[in-house]
């Protein structure tokens, strides 16, 4: 594993821990950890609408944009997304996907993946809009 990938993986885990610690114990259950090696998910976090808003208002989207490798990060965005597409290809960053979901009262999930399961991507960001 390259050092940048290892740092990004650690960053996602720390980001999740940071979000969970800042939102308080009462609403921490809104962030759901996901571990499902059978489906290629080594570690993931599902954020509800409130947690996505908190995530969007933090420095974490910028950090993820900085550290997640562009060619190794996949996106599943809502069909109503306003993120730019050219010839069917999505042009986005982790921060853009998270911020769009936060601004539109949506939800987001972030996962460290087995590249063999989803087109060679090591990271996956999923957006769901209302």
C-alpha atoms as a PDB file:
ATOM      1  CA  UNK A   1       0.000   0.000   0.000  1.00  0.00           C
ATOM      2  CA  UNK A   2       1.436   3.340  -0.982  1.00  0.00           C
ATOM      3  CA  UNK A   3       1.975   5.893   1.764  1.00  0.00           C
ATOM      4  CA  UNK A   4      -0.550   8.345   0.302  1.00  0.00           C
ATOM      5  CA  UNK A   5      -3.229   5.651   0.230  1.00  0.00           C
ATOM      6  CA  UNK A   6      -2.409   4.647   3.796  1.00  0.00           C
ATOM      7  CA  UNK A   7      -2.611   8.267   4.925  1.00  0.00           C
ATOM      8  CA  UNK A   8      -5.951   8.718   3.132  1.00  0.00           C
ATOM      9  CA  UNK A   9      -7.343   5.554   4.737  1.00  0.00           C
ATOM     10  CA  UNK A  10      -6.220   6.748   8.136  1.00  0.00           C
ATOM     11  CA  UNK A  11      -7.681  10.168   7.350  1.00  0.00           C
ATOM     12  CA  UNK A  12     -11.131   8.701   6.659  1.00  0.00           C
ATOM     13  CA  UNK A  13     -11.020   6.776   9.915  1.00  0.00           C
ATOM     14  CA  UNK A  14      -9.895   9.872  11.829  1.00  0.00           C
ATOM     15  CA  UNK A  15     -12.503  12.026  10.093  1.00  0.00           C
ATOM     16  CA  UNK A  16     -15.206   9.602  11.165  1.00  0.00           C
ATOM     17  CA  UNK A  17     -13.899   9.555  14.702  1.00  0.00           C
ATOM     18  CA  UNK A  18     -13.702  13.342  14.707  1.00  0.00           C
ATOM     19  CA  UNK A  19     -17.258  13.746  13.503  1.00  0.00           C
ATOM     20  CA  UNK A  20     -18.536  11.209  16.000  1.00  0.00           C
ATOM     21  CA  UNK A  21     -16.759  12.951  18.871  1.00  0.00           C
ATOM     22  CA  UNK A  22     -17.922  16.452  17.912  1.00  0.00           C
ATOM     23  CA  UNK A  23     -21.612  15.679  17.486  1.00  0.00           C
ATOM     24  CA  UNK A  24     -22.029  14.389  21.015  1.00  0.00           C
ATOM     25  CA  UNK A  25     -23.175  11.098  22.400  1.00  0.00           C
ATOM     26  CA  UNK A  26     -26.882  11.751  21.890  1.00  0.00           C
ATOM     27  CA  UNK A  27     -26.710  11.996  18.110  1.00  0.00           C
ATOM     28  CA  UNK A  28     -23.620   9.873  17.478  1.00  0.00           C
ATOM     29  CA  UNK A  29     -25.851   6.976  16.530  1.00  0.00           C
ATOM     30  CA  UNK A  30     -26.721   8.933  13.374  1.00  0.00           C
ATOM     31  CA  UNK A  31     -23.300   8.008  11.973  1.00  0.00           C
ATOM     32  CA  UNK A  32     -23.442   4.311  11.136  1.00  0.00           C
ATOM     33  CA  UNK A  33     -20.180   2.413  10.653  1.00  0.00           C
ATOM     34  CA  UNK A  34     -20.186  -0.143   7.841  1.00  0.00           C
ATOM     35  CA  UNK A  35     -17.877  -3.146   7.563  1.00  0.00           C
ATOM     36  CA  UNK A  36     -18.755  -5.744   4.933  1.00  0.00           C
ATOM     37  CA  UNK A  37     -15.719  -7.442   3.349  1.00  0.00           C
ATOM     38  CA  UNK A  38     -18.075  -9.728   1.405  1.00  0.00           C
ATOM     39  CA  UNK A  39     -19.208  -6.668  -0.572  1.00  0.00           C
ATOM     40  CA  UNK A  40     -15.766  -5.055  -0.681  1.00  0.00           C
ATOM     41  CA  UNK A  41     -16.285  -2.563   2.149  1.00  0.00           C
ATOM     42  CA  UNK A  42     -13.287  -2.576   4.477  1.00  0.00           C
ATOM     43  CA  UNK A  43     -14.594   0.385   6.474  1.00  0.00           C
ATOM     44  CA  UNK A  44     -17.303   2.921   5.795  1.00  0.00           C
ATOM     45  CA  UNK A  45     -19.400   5.574   7.469  1.00  0.00           C
ATOM     46  CA  UNK A  46     -23.012   6.373   6.612  1.00  0.00           C
ATOM     47  CA  UNK A  47     -24.027   9.894   7.634  1.00  0.00           C
ATOM     48  CA  UNK A  48     -27.658  10.916   8.101  1.00  0.00           C
ATOM     49  CA  UNK A  49     -28.978  14.319   7.007  1.00  0.00           C
ATOM     50  CA  UNK A  50     -27.890  16.171  10.179  1.00  0.00           C
ATOM     51  CA  UNK A  51     -24.466  14.571  10.246  1.00  0.00           C
ATOM     52  CA  UNK A  52     -23.952  15.303   6.544  1.00  0.00           C
ATOM     53  CA  UNK A  53     -24.723  18.962   7.259  1.00  0.00           C
ATOM     54  CA  UNK A  54     -22.228  18.946  10.142  1.00  0.00           C
ATOM     55  CA  UNK A  55     -19.666  17.232   7.932  1.00  0.00           C
ATOM     56  CA  UNK A  56     -20.211  19.815   5.174  1.00  0.00           C
ATOM     57  CA  UNK A  57     -19.633  22.642   7.662  1.00  0.00           C
ATOM     58  CA  UNK A  58     -16.316  21.223   8.807  1.00  0.00           C
ATOM     59  CA  UNK A  59     -12.850  21.116   7.291  1.00  0.00           C
ATOM     60  CA  UNK A  60     -13.187  17.404   6.497  1.00  0.00           C
ATOM     61  CA  UNK A  61     -14.465  17.774   2.877  1.00  0.00           C
ATOM     62  CA  UNK A  62     -11.421  19.864   2.036  1.00  0.00           C
ATOM     63  CA  UNK A  63      -9.094  17.404   3.709  1.00  0.00           C
ATOM     64  CA  UNK A  64     -10.635  14.476   1.852  1.00  0.00           C
ATOM     65  CA  UNK A  65     -10.324  16.376  -1.434  1.00  0.00           C
ATOM     66  CA  UNK A  66      -6.665  17.006  -0.652  1.00  0.00           C
ATOM     67  CA  UNK A  67      -5.738  13.468   0.374  1.00  0.00           C
ATOM     68  CA  UNK A  68      -7.944  11.030  -1.541  1.00  0.00           C
ATOM     69  CA  UNK A  69      -6.257  10.036  -4.815  1.00  0.00           C
ATOM     70  CA  UNK A  70      -8.338  11.231  -7.788  1.00  0.00           C
ATOM     71  CA  UNK A  71      -7.924   8.080  -9.874  1.00  0.00           C
ATOM     72  CA  UNK A  72      -8.714   5.794  -6.959  1.00  0.00           C
ATOM     73  CA  UNK A  73     -11.862   7.513  -5.698  1.00  0.00           C
ATOM     74  CA  UNK A  74     -15.250   6.528  -7.102  1.00  0.00           C
ATOM     75  CA  UNK A  75     -18.542   8.359  -6.776  1.00  0.00           C
ATOM     76  CA  UNK A  76     -22.158   7.318  -6.794  1.00  0.00           C
ATOM     77  CA  UNK A  77     -24.176  10.511  -6.990  1.00  0.00           C
ATOM     78  CA  UNK A  78     -27.903  11.064  -6.945  1.00  0.00           C
ATOM     79  CA  UNK A  79     -29.594  11.326 -10.343  1.00  0.00           C
ATOM     80  CA  UNK A  80     -30.718  14.863  -9.385  1.00  0.00           C
ATOM     81  CA  UNK A  81     -27.171  15.994  -8.647  1.00  0.00           C
ATOM     82  CA  UNK A  82     -26.048  19.324 -10.099  1.00  0.00           C
ATOM     83  CA  UNK A  83     -22.387  18.280 -10.199  1.00  0.00           C
ATOM     84  CA  UNK A  84     -20.804  18.806 -13.637  1.00  0.00           C
ATOM     85  CA  UNK A  85     -20.869  16.005 -16.192  1.00  0.00           C
ATOM     86  CA  UNK A  86     -19.245  16.012 -19.603  1.00  0.00           C
ATOM     87  CA  UNK A  87     -19.959  13.179 -22.028  1.00  0.00           C
ATOM     88  CA  UNK A  88     -21.451  11.148 -19.194  1.00  0.00           C
ATOM     89  CA  UNK A  89     -18.380  11.514 -16.964  1.00  0.00           C
ATOM     90  CA  UNK A  90     -18.709  13.090 -13.555  1.00  0.00           C
ATOM     91  CA  UNK A  91     -16.236  15.846 -12.717  1.00  0.00           C
ATOM     92  CA  UNK A  92     -16.258  16.179  -8.952  1.00  0.00           C
ATOM     93  CA  UNK A  93     -14.147  16.090  -5.821  1.00  0.00           C
ATOM     94  CA  UNK A  94     -14.982  14.493  -2.485  1.00  0.00           C
ATOM     95  CA  UNK A  95     -15.583  17.960  -1.049  1.00  0.00           C
ATOM     96  CA  UNK A  96     -17.967  18.902  -3.868  1.00  0.00           C
ATOM     97  CA  UNK A  97     -20.074  15.766  -3.385  1.00  0.00           C
ATOM     98  CA  UNK A  98     -20.214  16.174   0.399  1.00  0.00           C
ATOM     99  CA  UNK A  99     -20.973  19.889   0.199  1.00  0.00           C
ATOM    100  CA  UNK A 100     -23.736  19.383  -2.367  1.00  0.00           C
ATOM    101  CA  UNK A 101     -25.379  16.726  -0.196  1.00  0.00           C
ATOM    102  CA  UNK A 102     -25.085  18.975   2.864  1.00  0.00           C
ATOM    103  CA  UNK A 103     -26.500  22.029   1.073  1.00  0.00           C
ATOM    104  CA  UNK A 104     -29.467  20.083  -0.319  1.00  0.00           C
ATOM    105  CA  UNK A 105     -30.355  18.253   2.937  1.00  0.00           C
ATOM    106  CA  UNK A 106     -29.067  14.963   1.561  1.00  0.00           C
ATOM    107  CA  UNK A 107     -26.991  12.172   2.988  1.00  0.00           C
ATOM    108  CA  UNK A 108     -23.528  10.888   2.221  1.00  0.00           C
ATOM    109  CA  UNK A 109     -21.527   7.712   2.839  1.00  0.00           C
ATOM    110  CA  UNK A 110     -17.758   7.330   2.638  1.00  0.00           C
ATOM    111  CA  UNK A 111     -16.007   3.964   2.398  1.00  0.00           C
ATOM    112  CA  UNK A 112     -12.587   2.375   2.048  1.00  0.00           C
ATOM    113  CA  UNK A 113     -13.121  -0.338  -0.558  1.00  0.00           C
ATOM    114  CA  UNK A 114     -11.490  -3.447  -1.940  1.00  0.00           C
ATOM    115  CA  UNK A 115     -10.444  -2.281  -5.436  1.00  0.00           C
ATOM    116  CA  UNK A 116     -11.441  -5.641  -6.910  1.00  0.00           C
ATOM    117  CA  UNK A 117     -15.108  -4.922  -6.191  1.00  0.00           C
ATOM    118  CA  UNK A 118     -15.699  -1.565  -7.841  1.00  0.00           C
ATOM    119  CA  UNK A 119     -13.647  -0.749 -10.926  1.00  0.00           C
ATOM    120  CA  UNK A 120     -10.328  -0.446  -9.083  1.00  0.00           C
ATOM    121  CA  UNK A 121     -11.481   2.286  -6.700  1.00  0.00           C
ATOM    122  CA  UNK A 122     -10.057   2.204  -3.196  1.00  0.00           C
ATOM    123  CA  UNK A 123     -12.438   4.860  -1.903  1.00  0.00           C
ATOM    124  CA  UNK A 124     -16.129   5.385  -2.589  1.00  0.00           C
ATOM    125  CA  UNK A 125     -18.312   8.386  -1.837  1.00  0.00           C
ATOM    126  CA  UNK A 126     -22.065   7.923  -2.179  1.00  0.00           C
ATOM    127  CA  UNK A 127     -24.548  10.803  -2.280  1.00  0.00           C
ATOM    128  CA  UNK A 128     -28.293  10.528  -1.760  1.00  0.00           C
ATOM    129  CA  UNK A 129     -30.456  13.611  -2.172  1.00  0.00           C
ATOM    130  CA  UNK A 130     -34.043  13.984  -0.939  1.00  0.00           C
END
